Amino acid sequence: MQYRVKEDGGGVHVILEGQLNFAANEDFQGLLAQLGGRKGCSVVFDLAGLTHIDSVGLGLLYIAREDMADAGNTITLSHPRDNVYRMLELTEAHKTFRIER
């Protein structure tokens, strides 16, 4: 997994690429540490570049959501590919996350 972080006014745009799975754990934790100092902003995770997500990757998104909520931030998952969206749908992630197609 690779990522880029862009500031955009009142929020942060995180572009994820590749696979979000166990192998991405360390990089994703580094991303969360990088985002950790922000408070009260909107964080958008752009999933358009994700080719695959598994249960561990999903767990990482839930950890991100918890960390963001603790800091008063909101989180949105945007533009997931069909296969990634299917995983989010099957696990009922739409009940927890705001998802923009």
N, C-alpha and C. Protein backbone atom coordinates (compact mmCIF):
# COMPACT_ATOMS: atom_id res chain seq x y z
N MET A 1 0.83 -1.17 0.00
CA MET A 1 0.00 0.00 0.00
C MET A 1 0.88 1.24 0.00
N GLN A 2 0.50 2.19 -0.81
CA GLN A 2 1.13 3.50 -0.81
C GLN A 2 0.05 4.52 -0.48
N TYR A 3 0.49 5.67 0.03
CA TYR A 3 -0.47 6.73 0.32
C TYR A 3 0.15 8.10 0.11
N ARG A 4 -0.73 9.05 -0.15
CA ARG A 4 -0.35 10.46 -0.24
C ARG A 4 -1.35 11.24 0.60
N VAL A 5 -0.87 12.26 1.28
CA VAL A 5 -1.72 13.10 2.11
C VAL A 5 -1.71 14.51 1.54
N LYS A 6 -2.91 15.04 1.31
CA LYS A 6 -3.06 16.41 0.81
C LYS A 6 -3.94 17.20 1.76
N GLU A 7 -3.50 18.39 2.09
CA GLU A 7 -4.31 19.32 2.89
C GLU A 7 -5.23 20.05 1.93
N ASP A 8 -6.49 20.22 2.31
CA ASP A 8 -7.40 20.98 1.44
C ASP A 8 -8.36 21.81 2.28
N GLY A 9 -7.90 22.99 2.64
CA GLY A 9 -8.74 23.90 3.43
C GLY A 9 -9.00 23.37 4.82
N GLY A 10 -10.24 22.98 5.09
CA GLY A 10 -10.61 22.51 6.42
C GLY A 10 -10.45 21.02 6.62
N GLY A 11 -9.77 20.35 5.71
CA GLY A 11 -9.68 18.91 5.86
C GLY A 11 -8.41 18.32 5.27
N VAL A 12 -8.40 17.01 5.30
CA VAL A 12 -7.26 16.25 4.81
C VAL A 12 -7.78 15.20 3.83
N HIS A 13 -7.07 15.06 2.73
CA HIS A 13 -7.43 14.08 1.71
C HIS A 13 -6.30 13.05 1.67
N VAL A 14 -6.63 11.79 1.97
CA VAL A 14 -5.64 10.71 1.98
C VAL A 14 -5.93 9.80 0.79
N ILE A 15 -4.98 9.68 -0.11
CA ILE A 15 -5.14 8.85 -1.30
C ILE A 15 -4.41 7.53 -1.05
N LEU A 16 -5.18 6.44 -1.05
CA LEU A 16 -4.62 5.11 -0.83
C LEU A 16 -4.51 4.37 -2.15
N GLU A 17 -3.40 3.64 -2.34
CA GLU A 17 -3.20 2.87 -3.56
C GLU A 17 -2.65 1.50 -3.21
N GLY A 18 -2.98 0.52 -4.04
CA GLY A 18 -2.47 -0.84 -3.84
C GLY A 18 -3.43 -1.69 -3.04
N GLN A 19 -2.87 -2.49 -2.13
CA GLN A 19 -3.67 -3.42 -1.34
C GLN A 19 -3.64 -3.02 0.13
N LEU A 20 -4.82 -2.99 0.73
CA LEU A 20 -4.92 -2.70 2.16
C LEU A 20 -5.16 -4.03 2.85
N ASN A 21 -4.07 -4.60 3.37
CA ASN A 21 -4.11 -5.92 4.00
C ASN A 21 -3.05 -5.97 5.11
N PHE A 22 -2.76 -7.17 5.61
CA PHE A 22 -1.82 -7.32 6.71
C PHE A 22 -0.46 -6.69 6.39
N ALA A 23 -0.01 -6.85 5.15
CA ALA A 23 1.29 -6.31 4.76
C ALA A 23 1.33 -4.78 4.85
N ALA A 24 0.18 -4.14 4.82
CA ALA A 24 0.11 -2.67 4.88
C ALA A 24 0.03 -2.14 6.30
N ASN A 25 -0.04 -3.02 7.28
CA ASN A 25 -0.26 -2.61 8.67
C ASN A 25 0.72 -1.54 9.14
N GLU A 26 2.00 -1.78 8.95
CA GLU A 26 3.02 -0.85 9.45
C GLU A 26 2.91 0.51 8.76
N ASP A 27 2.75 0.51 7.44
CA ASP A 27 2.61 1.77 6.70
C ASP A 27 1.35 2.51 7.14
N PHE A 28 0.26 1.78 7.35
CA PHE A 28 -0.99 2.42 7.74
C PHE A 28 -0.87 3.01 9.14
N GLN A 29 -0.18 2.33 10.03
CA GLN A 29 0.03 2.87 11.38
C GLN A 29 0.86 4.15 11.30
N GLY A 30 1.83 4.19 10.38
CA GLY A 30 2.60 5.42 10.15
C GLY A 30 1.73 6.55 9.65
N LEU A 31 0.80 6.23 8.77
CA LEU A 31 -0.16 7.22 8.28
C LEU A 31 -0.99 7.77 9.42
N LEU A 32 -1.49 6.89 10.28
CA LEU A 32 -2.30 7.35 11.42
C LEU A 32 -1.49 8.24 12.35
N ALA A 33 -0.21 7.92 12.54
CA ALA A 33 0.65 8.77 13.37
C ALA A 33 0.80 10.15 12.72
N GLN A 34 0.92 10.18 11.40
CA GLN A 34 1.04 11.44 10.67
C GLN A 34 -0.23 12.27 10.81
N LEU A 35 -1.37 11.62 10.83
CA LEU A 35 -2.65 12.33 10.95
C LEU A 35 -2.99 12.68 12.39
N GLY A 36 -2.28 12.11 13.34
CA GLY A 36 -2.62 12.20 14.75
C GLY A 36 -2.72 13.59 15.34
N GLY A 37 -2.00 14.56 14.82
CA GLY A 37 -2.01 15.89 15.40
C GLY A 37 -3.18 16.76 15.00
N ARG A 38 -3.98 16.29 14.08
CA ARG A 38 -5.10 17.10 13.58
C ARG A 38 -6.32 16.92 14.45
N LYS A 39 -7.02 18.01 14.68
CA LYS A 39 -8.22 17.95 15.51
C LYS A 39 -9.35 18.72 14.83
N GLY A 40 -10.55 18.14 14.90
CA GLY A 40 -11.75 18.81 14.40
C GLY A 40 -11.79 19.04 12.91
N CYS A 41 -11.23 18.14 12.14
CA CYS A 41 -11.26 18.33 10.69
C CYS A 41 -11.92 17.14 10.00
N SER A 42 -12.12 17.29 8.73
CA SER A 42 -12.70 16.24 7.90
C SER A 42 -11.56 15.48 7.24
N VAL A 43 -11.58 14.15 7.37
CA VAL A 43 -10.55 13.32 6.74
C VAL A 43 -11.24 12.43 5.71
N VAL A 44 -10.82 12.56 4.46
CA VAL A 44 -11.37 11.75 3.38
C VAL A 44 -10.31 10.74 2.95
N PHE A 45 -10.66 9.47 3.01
CA PHE A 45 -9.80 8.41 2.50
C PHE A 45 -10.29 8.08 1.10
N ASP A 46 -9.51 8.44 0.09
CA ASP A 46 -9.85 8.17 -1.30
C ASP A 46 -9.39 6.75 -1.62
N LEU A 47 -10.35 5.86 -1.85
CA LEU A 47 -10.06 4.44 -2.07
C LEU A 47 -9.99 4.07 -3.54
N ALA A 48 -10.06 5.03 -4.45
CA ALA A 48 -10.10 4.73 -5.89
C ALA A 48 -8.88 3.93 -6.34
N GLY A 49 -7.75 4.12 -5.70
CA GLY A 49 -6.53 3.42 -6.08
C GLY A 49 -6.33 2.09 -5.39
N LEU A 50 -7.23 1.73 -4.48
CA LEU A 50 -7.12 0.44 -3.79
C LEU A 50 -7.59 -0.67 -4.72
N THR A 51 -6.74 -1.66 -4.92
CA THR A 51 -7.10 -2.79 -5.77
C THR A 51 -7.68 -3.94 -4.97
N HIS A 52 -7.42 -3.95 -3.66
CA HIS A 52 -7.87 -5.06 -2.82
C HIS A 52 -7.93 -4.60 -1.37
N ILE A 53 -8.92 -5.11 -0.65
CA ILE A 53 -8.99 -4.92 0.80
C ILE A 53 -9.46 -6.24 1.40
N ASP A 54 -8.84 -6.63 2.51
CA ASP A 54 -9.29 -7.85 3.19
C ASP A 54 -9.74 -7.47 4.60
N SER A 55 -9.98 -8.47 5.43
CA SER A 55 -10.51 -8.20 6.77
C SER A 55 -9.53 -7.40 7.62
N VAL A 56 -8.24 -7.62 7.44
CA VAL A 56 -7.25 -6.84 8.19
C VAL A 56 -7.29 -5.39 7.73
N GLY A 57 -7.38 -5.17 6.43
CA GLY A 57 -7.48 -3.82 5.90
C GLY A 57 -8.72 -3.11 6.40
N LEU A 58 -9.81 -3.85 6.47
CA LEU A 58 -11.04 -3.29 7.01
C LEU A 58 -10.85 -2.90 8.47
N GLY A 59 -10.17 -3.76 9.21
CA GLY A 59 -9.87 -3.46 10.61
C GLY A 59 -9.03 -2.20 10.75
N LEU A 60 -8.11 -1.99 9.83
CA LEU A 60 -7.29 -0.78 9.86
C LEU A 60 -8.14 0.47 9.65
N LEU A 61 -9.14 0.37 8.78
CA LEU A 61 -10.05 1.51 8.58
C LEU A 61 -10.86 1.78 9.85
N TYR A 62 -11.25 0.73 10.54
CA TYR A 62 -11.99 0.92 11.80
C TYR A 62 -11.10 1.56 12.87
N ILE A 63 -9.83 1.18 12.90
CA ILE A 63 -8.88 1.81 13.83
C ILE A 63 -8.74 3.29 13.49
N ALA A 64 -8.64 3.59 12.19
CA ALA A 64 -8.54 4.99 11.75
C ALA A 64 -9.77 5.76 12.18
N ARG A 65 -10.94 5.17 12.01
CA ARG A 65 -12.18 5.83 12.40
C ARG A 65 -12.19 6.14 13.89
N GLU A 66 -11.76 5.18 14.68
CA GLU A 66 -11.73 5.37 16.13
C GLU A 66 -10.75 6.48 16.51
N ASP A 67 -9.56 6.45 15.92
CA ASP A 67 -8.56 7.49 16.19
C ASP A 67 -9.06 8.86 15.77
N MET A 68 -9.68 8.93 14.60
CA MET A 68 -10.19 10.21 14.10
C MET A 68 -11.31 10.74 15.00
N ALA A 69 -12.21 9.86 15.41
CA ALA A 69 -13.33 10.27 16.27
C ALA A 69 -12.81 10.78 17.61
N ASP A 70 -11.79 10.12 18.16
CA ASP A 70 -11.21 10.56 19.43
C ASP A 70 -10.65 11.98 19.34
N ALA A 71 -10.20 12.37 18.14
CA ALA A 71 -9.65 13.71 17.93
C ALA A 71 -10.70 14.70 17.44
N GLY A 72 -11.96 14.26 17.38
CA GLY A 72 -13.03 15.14 16.92
C GLY A 72 -13.10 15.30 15.42
N ASN A 73 -12.48 14.38 14.69
CA ASN A 73 -12.48 14.43 13.24
C ASN A 73 -13.58 13.54 12.67
N THR A 74 -14.01 13.87 11.46
CA THR A 74 -14.94 12.99 10.75
C THR A 74 -14.17 12.26 9.67
N ILE A 75 -14.66 11.09 9.29
CA ILE A 75 -13.98 10.29 8.28
C ILE A 75 -14.98 9.89 7.20
N THR A 76 -14.54 9.98 5.97
CA THR A 76 -15.33 9.57 4.82
C THR A 76 -14.48 8.67 3.94
N LEU A 77 -15.08 7.60 3.44
CA LEU A 77 -14.43 6.72 2.47
C LEU A 77 -15.00 7.08 1.11
N SER A 78 -14.14 7.42 0.17
CA SER A 78 -14.66 7.86 -1.13
C SER A 78 -14.12 7.02 -2.28
N HIS A 79 -14.94 6.92 -3.30
CA HIS A 79 -14.61 6.32 -4.59
C HIS A 79 -14.03 4.90 -4.54
N PRO A 80 -14.60 4.00 -3.74
CA PRO A 80 -14.08 2.63 -3.75
C PRO A 80 -14.40 1.94 -5.08
N ARG A 81 -13.46 1.14 -5.56
CA ARG A 81 -13.72 0.31 -6.74
C ARG A 81 -14.81 -0.69 -6.39
N ASP A 82 -15.37 -1.31 -7.40
CA ASP A 82 -16.48 -2.24 -7.17
C ASP A 82 -16.14 -3.35 -6.18
N ASN A 83 -14.95 -3.98 -6.33
CA ASN A 83 -14.61 -5.09 -5.44
C ASN A 83 -14.39 -4.61 -4.00
N VAL A 84 -13.84 -3.43 -3.83
CA VAL A 84 -13.64 -2.87 -2.49
C VAL A 84 -15.00 -2.48 -1.90
N TYR A 85 -15.85 -1.90 -2.73
CA TYR A 85 -17.18 -1.53 -2.26
C TYR A 85 -17.97 -2.77 -1.83
N ARG A 86 -17.83 -3.86 -2.59
CA ARG A 86 -18.52 -5.10 -2.22
C ARG A 86 -18.11 -5.57 -0.83
N MET A 87 -16.82 -5.48 -0.53
CA MET A 87 -16.33 -5.88 0.79
C MET A 87 -16.93 -4.97 1.87
N LEU A 88 -16.98 -3.68 1.60
CA LEU A 88 -17.57 -2.74 2.55
C LEU A 88 -19.05 -3.03 2.75
N GLU A 89 -19.71 -3.38 1.66
CA GLU A 89 -21.14 -3.68 1.71
C GLU A 89 -21.41 -4.99 2.46
N LEU A 90 -20.63 -6.02 2.15
CA LEU A 90 -20.82 -7.33 2.80
C LEU A 90 -20.61 -7.26 4.31
N THR A 91 -19.72 -6.40 4.73
CA THR A 91 -19.41 -6.28 6.16
C THR A 91 -20.24 -5.19 6.83
N GLU A 92 -21.16 -4.61 6.08
CA GLU A 92 -22.05 -3.56 6.57
C GLU A 92 -21.29 -2.34 7.10
N ALA A 93 -20.16 -2.07 6.48
CA ALA A 93 -19.36 -0.91 6.88
C ALA A 93 -20.12 0.40 6.65
N HIS A 94 -21.09 0.38 5.74
CA HIS A 94 -21.88 1.59 5.47
C HIS A 94 -22.67 2.04 6.70
N LYS A 95 -22.83 1.15 7.66
CA LYS A 95 -23.52 1.52 8.90
C LYS A 95 -22.61 2.30 9.84
N THR A 96 -21.31 2.21 9.59
CA THR A 96 -20.33 2.87 10.44
C THR A 96 -19.66 4.05 9.75
N PHE A 97 -19.37 3.89 8.47
CA PHE A 97 -18.64 4.89 7.70
C PHE A 97 -19.57 5.63 6.75
N ARG A 98 -19.22 6.86 6.49
CA ARG A 98 -19.85 7.58 5.37
C ARG A 98 -19.07 7.16 4.13
N ILE A 99 -19.78 6.63 3.14
CA ILE A 99 -19.14 6.15 1.92
C ILE A 99 -19.71 6.92 0.74
N GLU A 100 -18.82 7.53 -0.04
CA GLU A 100 -19.22 8.26 -1.24
C GLU A 100 -18.72 7.50 -2.45
N ARG A 101 -19.67 7.13 -3.32
CA ARG A 101 -19.29 6.39 -4.53
C ARG A 101 -18.93 7.39 -5.59
